[in-house]
């Protein structure tokens, strides 16, 4: 039977049409959309205003998405984390070491509270309240708070793309927490580190070599990944890195592939480290090759990044102030930029930064430098007064 009404599309929304009845003007909603490959048709009429019809349309869409997606696919956060992480590995987006680290992070921060919660029941308000309380309870740094939110946001964003939820609730979250730890070293502290490297009987040649390369602005993973073939006497090539899970990879960026000149002292320390490594390899049944690591433990295995962390904790204890490999990298930038006539581009190239601005970001300044600056300013003002 033919429809007795004539429908006219609204310019404001063509999926809403108006028509005339004996009771006056009425509106109809009629549209279709696809959910997971299936077409869903929505049609209802008799609305007394355009706004009433538009409100129905929005609610009908949300209800259909909710019913057809989350009711039949009642994934918990735990369920979807497994799918999300497995797909990251299968696609090559995560290496095995990355997957392991992310798995540990998920278990440490999110699993206990959120694991059994349905994806559709995660709300922005609850997540924000939970995060704020969690950060205070565990005295977390702001960077850790940001890491947790990025992980949860990644899960929810992926679920949204796969049409398992209708919106991502982890947006515009306020991350709080402790400010980053002070990474600056005074010149006196820096000199104490170098003196400890030179003279402490508590260090072997391998450990001294690790410290001297950290002082040459190498990243921790770049130090661990230093191979014999990269040592050229008065300079080294930085072309690979070794993480704590045993993955040897290219350095983190094109700019990180670089050659770094060595001081004579650094060359001699590295020669001692190489000699020690040769002995260790022989004790473990084979000669050292060009493709072998310079820094090895007593069993002939790589001196992984976690060993470097432990080494610097020992330094911190003995020196009675906090020192970490990255702090030496910051110190290199700070003191190098303070040298008269230093070329900023050369400093950036040694540090493996594409932009000089990044190397300047590592320049934390010092109290001595501030005093020298004020003294020079005072002298200038007096001479021109």
Protein backbone atom coordinates (compact mmCIF):
# COMPACT_ATOMS: atom_id res chain seq x y z
CA UNK A 1 0.00 0.00 0.00
CA UNK A 2 1.33 3.41 -1.02
CA UNK A 3 2.34 5.75 1.78
CA UNK A 4 -0.29 8.49 2.19
CA UNK A 5 2.25 11.16 3.18
CA UNK A 6 4.64 13.20 1.11
CA UNK A 7 8.02 13.57 2.82
CA UNK A 8 10.34 16.51 2.36
CA UNK A 9 13.97 16.33 3.46
CA UNK A 10 15.12 18.87 6.02
CA UNK A 11 18.04 21.00 4.83
CA UNK A 12 19.38 20.88 8.37
CA UNK A 13 19.56 17.07 8.23
CA UNK A 14 18.41 15.07 5.17
CA UNK A 15 17.93 11.96 7.35
CA UNK A 16 14.99 13.80 8.94
CA UNK A 17 11.94 14.62 6.79
CA UNK A 18 8.81 16.61 7.48
CA UNK A 19 5.28 15.89 6.27
CA UNK A 20 1.79 17.31 6.74
CA UNK A 21 -1.04 15.64 8.68
CA UNK A 22 -4.52 16.69 9.74
CA UNK A 23 -3.07 17.45 13.16
CA UNK A 24 -0.35 19.64 11.67
CA UNK A 25 3.31 19.32 10.64
CA UNK A 26 5.15 16.20 11.74
CA UNK A 27 8.68 14.78 11.29
CA UNK A 28 10.10 11.39 10.40
CA UNK A 29 13.56 9.91 11.04
CA UNK A 30 14.82 7.49 8.40
CA UNK A 31 18.46 6.47 7.93
CA UNK A 32 20.79 3.49 7.76
CA UNK A 33 24.36 2.78 8.88
CA UNK A 34 26.78 -0.16 8.93
CA UNK A 35 27.98 -1.89 12.09
CA UNK A 36 30.64 -4.59 11.71
CA UNK A 37 29.60 -5.23 8.10
CA UNK A 38 25.83 -5.31 8.74
CA UNK A 39 23.41 -2.59 7.65
CA UNK A 40 21.12 -1.26 10.37
CA UNK A 41 17.89 0.56 9.35
CA UNK A 42 16.24 3.11 11.64
CA UNK A 43 12.79 4.56 10.87
CA UNK A 44 10.19 6.28 13.06
CA UNK A 45 7.74 9.10 12.49
CA UNK A 46 5.19 11.19 14.33
CA UNK A 47 7.57 13.63 16.01
CA UNK A 48 6.06 17.02 16.73
CA UNK A 49 9.25 19.01 16.16
CA UNK A 50 12.55 18.79 14.31
CA UNK A 51 14.47 18.90 17.61
CA UNK A 52 12.47 15.97 18.96
CA UNK A 53 13.26 13.96 15.82
CA UNK A 54 16.94 14.87 15.97
CA UNK A 55 17.19 13.81 19.63
CA UNK A 56 15.60 10.44 18.78
CA UNK A 57 18.04 9.96 15.91
CA UNK A 58 21.08 10.50 18.13
CA UNK A 59 19.76 8.21 20.88
CA UNK A 60 18.73 5.51 18.40
CA UNK A 61 22.19 5.49 16.84
CA UNK A 62 23.91 5.19 20.23
CA UNK A 63 21.51 2.46 21.38
CA UNK A 64 21.99 0.41 18.22
CA UNK A 65 25.77 0.72 18.45
CA UNK A 66 25.65 -0.26 22.11
CA UNK A 67 23.31 -3.21 21.51
CA UNK A 68 24.96 -4.60 18.41
CA UNK A 69 28.53 -4.08 19.54
CA UNK A 70 29.02 -4.30 23.27
CA UNK A 71 26.10 -6.52 24.28
CA UNK A 72 27.20 -9.27 21.92
CA UNK A 73 30.92 -8.56 22.44
CA UNK A 74 31.19 -8.14 26.19
CA UNK A 75 34.93 -7.67 26.33
CA UNK A 76 36.55 -6.76 29.61
CA UNK A 77 39.67 -4.60 29.67
CA UNK A 78 41.64 -7.81 30.32
CA UNK A 79 40.05 -9.51 27.30
CA UNK A 80 40.81 -6.65 24.99
CA UNK A 81 44.32 -6.06 26.32
CA UNK A 82 45.20 -9.59 25.20
CA UNK A 83 43.79 -8.95 21.70
CA UNK A 84 45.43 -5.52 21.49
CA UNK A 85 48.88 -6.72 22.63
CA UNK A 86 48.83 -9.83 20.41
CA UNK A 87 47.96 -7.75 17.35
CA UNK A 88 50.79 -5.33 18.11
CA UNK A 89 53.27 -8.22 18.11
CA UNK A 90 51.81 -9.89 15.01
CA UNK A 91 51.89 -6.63 13.04
CA UNK A 92 55.51 -5.98 14.00
CA UNK A 93 54.64 -2.77 15.86
CA UNK A 94 56.12 -4.25 19.06
CA UNK A 95 59.30 -6.29 19.32
CA UNK A 96 59.31 -9.11 21.86
CA UNK A 97 61.14 -6.93 24.36
CA UNK A 98 58.61 -4.12 23.91
CA UNK A 99 55.74 -6.57 24.36
CA UNK A 100 57.31 -7.89 27.56
CA UNK A 101 57.78 -4.38 28.96
CA UNK A 102 54.19 -3.36 28.07
CA UNK A 103 52.84 -6.58 29.62
CA UNK A 104 54.66 -5.86 32.85
CA UNK A 105 53.35 -2.28 32.81
CA UNK A 106 49.77 -3.43 32.28
CA UNK A 107 50.00 -5.92 35.14
CA UNK A 108 51.67 -3.42 37.45
CA UNK A 109 49.29 -0.50 36.94
CA UNK A 110 45.99 -1.40 35.27
CA UNK A 111 45.11 -5.05 35.68
CA UNK A 112 44.06 -5.16 39.35
CA UNK A 113 41.53 -2.34 39.17
CA UNK A 114 40.43 -2.33 35.53
CA UNK A 115 41.01 -5.89 34.33
CA UNK A 116 37.49 -7.22 34.98
CA UNK A 117 35.66 -4.03 34.00
CA UNK A 118 33.72 -4.16 30.72
CA UNK A 119 35.09 -1.84 28.05
CA UNK A 120 31.70 -0.16 27.72
CA UNK A 121 31.62 0.59 31.46
CA UNK A 122 34.89 2.54 31.55
CA UNK A 123 34.06 6.20 32.10
CA UNK A 124 36.26 9.24 31.99
CA UNK A 125 35.18 10.39 35.45
CA UNK A 126 35.96 7.07 37.14
CA UNK A 127 39.31 6.78 35.38
CA UNK A 128 40.26 10.34 36.33
CA UNK A 129 39.35 9.77 39.98
CA UNK A 130 41.16 6.43 40.09
CA UNK A 131 44.32 7.86 38.50
CA UNK A 132 44.48 10.85 40.83
CA UNK A 133 44.11 8.62 43.90
CA UNK A 134 46.54 6.00 42.55
CA UNK A 135 49.25 8.57 41.87
CA UNK A 136 49.00 9.95 45.43
CA UNK A 137 48.85 6.51 47.07
CA UNK A 138 51.96 5.25 45.26
CA UNK A 139 53.82 8.58 45.11
CA UNK A 140 54.27 8.34 41.35
CA UNK A 141 56.09 10.75 39.09
CA UNK A 142 54.02 12.71 36.59
CA UNK A 143 55.80 10.89 33.75
CA UNK A 144 54.56 7.56 35.17
CA UNK A 145 51.01 8.93 35.33
CA UNK A 146 51.31 9.93 31.67
CA UNK A 147 52.64 6.47 30.79
CA UNK A 148 49.66 4.77 32.49
CA UNK A 149 47.17 7.01 30.68
CA UNK A 150 48.88 6.44 27.33
CA UNK A 151 48.60 2.68 27.87
CA UNK A 152 44.91 2.80 28.83
CA UNK A 153 44.20 5.30 26.06
CA UNK A 154 45.84 3.00 23.52
CA UNK A 155 43.56 0.13 24.54
CA UNK A 156 40.41 2.23 24.35
CA UNK A 157 41.38 3.94 21.10
CA UNK A 158 41.99 0.57 19.44
CA UNK A 159 38.66 -0.74 20.74
CA UNK A 160 36.93 2.32 19.28
CA UNK A 161 38.51 1.75 15.86
CA UNK A 162 37.29 -1.86 15.99
CA UNK A 163 33.78 -0.64 16.87
CA UNK A 164 33.65 -2.31 20.28
CA UNK A 165 32.84 0.97 22.02
CA UNK A 166 31.10 4.08 20.73
CA UNK A 167 33.54 6.63 22.17
CA UNK A 168 36.96 6.76 23.80
CA UNK A 169 36.58 7.92 27.43
CA UNK A 170 40.33 8.38 27.99
CA UNK A 171 40.61 11.86 26.54
CA UNK A 172 41.86 15.09 28.10
CA UNK A 173 42.84 13.28 31.30
CA UNK A 174 44.70 15.42 33.84
CA UNK A 175 47.96 13.69 34.75
CA UNK A 176 49.46 14.59 38.10
CA UNK A 177 52.43 13.39 40.14
CA UNK A 178 55.91 14.31 41.26
CA UNK A 179 57.96 16.54 39.01
CA UNK A 180 60.94 14.91 37.25
CA UNK A 181 64.02 14.20 39.33
CA UNK A 182 66.76 16.82 39.18
CA UNK A 183 69.29 15.55 36.62
CA UNK A 184 71.84 18.31 37.08
CA UNK A 185 75.36 17.83 38.40
CA UNK A 186 77.64 20.51 39.78
CA UNK A 187 81.08 20.69 38.27
CA UNK A 188 82.47 19.42 41.55
CA UNK A 189 80.20 16.36 41.44
CA UNK A 190 81.09 15.73 37.79
CA UNK A 191 84.78 15.83 38.64
CA UNK A 192 84.17 13.45 41.55
CA UNK A 193 82.58 10.94 39.17
CA UNK A 194 85.56 11.10 36.82
CA UNK A 195 88.04 10.79 39.68
CA UNK A 196 86.16 7.76 40.98
CA UNK A 197 86.35 6.25 37.49
CA UNK A 198 90.09 6.84 37.34
CA UNK A 199 91.23 5.83 40.80
CA UNK A 200 88.67 3.69 42.61
CA UNK A 201 89.95 0.16 43.36
CA UNK A 202 86.30 -0.94 43.41
CA UNK A 203 86.05 -0.77 39.61
CA UNK A 204 87.35 -3.16 36.97
CA UNK A 205 88.30 -2.18 33.42
CA UNK A 206 84.86 -2.99 32.05
CA UNK A 207 83.12 -0.73 34.55
CA UNK A 208 85.57 2.13 33.93
CA UNK A 209 84.90 1.80 30.19
CA UNK A 210 81.16 2.00 30.74
CA UNK A 211 81.51 5.20 32.78
CA UNK A 212 83.88 6.89 30.31
CA UNK A 213 81.48 6.31 27.40
CA UNK A 214 78.56 7.61 29.45
CA UNK A 215 80.68 10.71 30.06
CA UNK A 216 81.06 11.00 26.26
CA UNK A 217 77.24 11.44 26.09
CA UNK A 218 76.34 7.92 24.94
CA UNK A 219 72.97 6.58 25.96
CA UNK A 220 72.90 3.58 28.27
CA UNK A 221 71.75 1.18 25.53
CA UNK A 222 74.43 2.57 23.17
CA UNK A 223 77.13 1.86 25.75
CA UNK A 224 75.85 -1.69 26.24
CA UNK A 225 75.79 -2.21 22.46
CA UNK A 226 79.37 -1.05 21.80
CA UNK A 227 81.17 -3.66 19.67
CA UNK A 228 84.87 -4.10 18.96
CA UNK A 229 84.42 -3.16 15.30
CA UNK A 230 83.14 0.26 16.35
CA UNK A 231 86.32 1.18 18.24
CA UNK A 232 88.87 3.02 16.08
CA UNK A 233 91.40 4.27 18.62
CA UNK A 234 90.76 7.99 18.70
CA UNK A 235 87.04 7.73 17.98
CA UNK A 236 84.12 5.29 18.16
CA UNK A 237 81.13 4.73 15.91
CA UNK A 238 77.70 4.59 17.53
CA UNK A 239 75.67 2.36 15.23
CA UNK A 240 73.80 -0.08 17.46
CA UNK A 241 72.17 -0.47 20.85
CA UNK A 242 71.44 -3.33 23.24
CA UNK A 243 68.47 -3.22 25.60
CA UNK A 244 67.90 -5.08 28.84
CA UNK A 245 66.05 -7.91 27.10
CA UNK A 246 68.91 -8.86 24.82
CA UNK A 247 67.61 -7.19 21.66
CA UNK A 248 70.41 -5.68 19.59
CA UNK A 249 69.01 -3.10 17.19
CA UNK A 250 69.89 -0.03 15.21
CA UNK A 251 70.15 3.18 17.22
CA UNK A 252 66.96 5.11 17.95
CA UNK A 253 67.14 7.55 15.00
CA UNK A 254 69.15 8.50 11.94
CA UNK A 255 70.77 11.35 13.87
CA UNK A 256 71.85 8.87 16.56
CA UNK A 257 74.13 7.12 14.03
CA UNK A 258 77.32 9.03 14.64
CA UNK A 259 81.06 9.05 15.28
CA UNK A 260 82.28 10.33 18.65
CA UNK A 261 85.90 11.48 19.16
CA UNK A 262 87.64 10.10 22.24
CA UNK A 263 90.00 11.75 24.66
CA UNK A 264 93.38 10.03 25.06
CA UNK A 265 92.31 8.96 28.54
CA UNK A 266 89.10 7.44 27.17
CA UNK A 267 91.03 5.58 24.46
CA UNK A 268 93.38 4.05 27.06
CA UNK A 269 90.48 3.05 29.33
CA UNK A 270 88.68 1.38 26.42
CA UNK A 271 91.85 -0.48 25.42
CA UNK A 272 91.97 -1.88 28.95
CA UNK A 273 88.29 -2.87 28.73
CA UNK A 274 88.92 -4.59 25.39
CA UNK A 275 91.91 -6.46 26.81
CA UNK A 276 89.76 -7.65 29.71
CA UNK A 277 87.01 -8.71 27.32
CA UNK A 278 89.49 -10.72 25.21
CA UNK A 279 90.56 -12.60 28.33
CA UNK A 280 86.97 -13.32 29.33
CA UNK A 281 86.07 -14.62 25.87
CA UNK A 282 89.13 -16.92 25.90
CA UNK A 283 88.27 -18.22 29.37
CA UNK A 284 84.85 -19.08 27.97
CA UNK A 285 86.29 -21.04 25.08
CA UNK A 286 86.61 -18.72 22.10
CA UNK A 287 88.56 -15.71 20.82
CA UNK A 288 86.99 -12.25 20.66
CA UNK A 289 85.77 -11.22 17.19
CA UNK A 290 85.09 -7.79 15.67
CA UNK A 291 81.37 -8.37 16.08
CA UNK A 292 81.63 -9.05 19.82
CA UNK A 293 80.65 -6.64 22.57
CA UNK A 294 83.39 -4.74 24.38
CA UNK A 295 81.59 -4.80 27.72
CA UNK A 296 80.91 -8.33 28.99
CA UNK A 297 80.34 -10.00 32.34
CA UNK A 298 82.54 -12.74 33.76
CA UNK A 299 80.54 -15.39 31.89
CA UNK A 300 81.19 -13.72 28.54
CA UNK A 301 77.63 -12.44 28.25
CA UNK A 302 76.71 -8.87 27.31
CA UNK A 303 76.89 -6.17 29.97
CA UNK A 304 73.17 -5.40 29.70
CA UNK A 305 71.61 -2.05 30.56
CA UNK A 306 70.44 -3.34 33.94
CA UNK A 307 74.07 -4.02 34.86
CA UNK A 308 74.86 -0.40 34.02
CA UNK A 309 72.00 0.73 36.27
CA UNK A 310 73.37 -1.39 39.13
CA UNK A 311 76.87 0.01 38.52
CA UNK A 312 75.64 3.59 38.82
CA UNK A 313 73.69 2.77 41.98
CA UNK A 314 77.01 1.61 43.44
CA UNK A 315 78.59 4.89 42.34
CA UNK A 316 75.77 6.82 44.00
CA UNK A 317 76.29 4.98 47.25
CA UNK A 318 80.06 5.44 47.27
CA UNK A 319 79.96 9.10 46.18
CA UNK A 320 77.01 9.90 48.48
CA UNK A 321 74.98 11.72 45.80
CA UNK A 322 72.67 10.45 43.10
CA UNK A 323 74.30 9.72 39.76
CA UNK A 324 72.83 7.96 36.71
CA UNK A 325 74.08 7.46 33.13
CA UNK A 326 71.62 10.00 31.74
CA UNK A 327 72.88 12.60 34.18
CA UNK A 328 76.33 12.37 32.59
CA UNK A 329 74.67 12.96 29.23
CA UNK A 330 73.02 16.09 30.60
CA UNK A 331 76.32 17.15 32.18
CA UNK A 332 78.10 16.79 28.83
CA UNK A 333 75.62 19.19 27.24
CA UNK A 334 75.78 21.63 30.14
CA UNK A 335 79.56 21.89 30.28
CA UNK A 336 80.13 21.65 26.51
CA UNK A 337 77.83 24.60 25.80
CA UNK A 338 79.72 26.55 28.44
CA UNK A 339 83.01 26.24 26.56
CA UNK A 340 84.07 29.43 24.83
CA UNK A 341 83.91 29.04 21.05
CA UNK A 342 82.11 25.70 21.16
CA UNK A 343 80.08 24.99 18.02
CA UNK A 344 76.51 24.02 19.02
CA UNK A 345 76.19 21.82 15.94
CA UNK A 346 79.25 19.80 16.97
CA UNK A 347 77.79 19.27 20.44
CA UNK A 348 74.48 18.16 18.93
CA UNK A 349 76.24 15.74 16.56
CA UNK A 350 78.19 14.12 19.40
CA UNK A 351 74.99 13.68 21.40
CA UNK A 352 73.15 12.21 18.43
CA UNK A 353 70.47 14.89 18.20
CA UNK A 354 68.95 16.02 14.92
CA UNK A 355 68.27 19.50 16.26
CA UNK A 356 70.53 21.74 18.32
CA UNK A 357 67.46 22.74 20.32
CA UNK A 358 67.26 19.23 21.77
CA UNK A 359 70.89 19.40 22.92
CA UNK A 360 70.16 22.80 24.46
CA UNK A 361 67.24 21.20 26.30
CA UNK A 362 69.78 18.86 27.94
CA UNK A 363 71.79 21.90 29.06
CA UNK A 364 70.60 22.29 32.65
CA UNK A 365 72.99 25.03 33.70
CA UNK A 366 74.87 25.09 37.01
CA UNK A 367 75.03 27.23 40.14
CA UNK A 368 78.66 28.01 39.29
CA UNK A 369 77.58 29.10 35.83
CA UNK A 370 74.90 31.39 37.25
CA UNK A 371 77.41 32.97 39.62
CA UNK A 372 79.89 33.50 36.78
CA UNK A 373 77.16 35.05 34.64
CA UNK A 374 76.10 37.47 37.40
CA UNK A 375 79.72 38.43 38.09
CA UNK A 376 80.33 39.12 34.39
CA UNK A 377 77.10 41.14 34.16
CA UNK A 378 78.03 43.15 37.25
CA UNK A 379 81.48 43.82 35.82
CA UNK A 380 79.97 44.96 32.52
CA UNK A 381 77.46 47.26 34.22
CA UNK A 382 80.14 48.83 36.38
CA UNK A 383 82.49 49.42 33.45
CA UNK A 384 79.73 51.10 31.44
CA UNK A 385 78.11 52.93 34.34
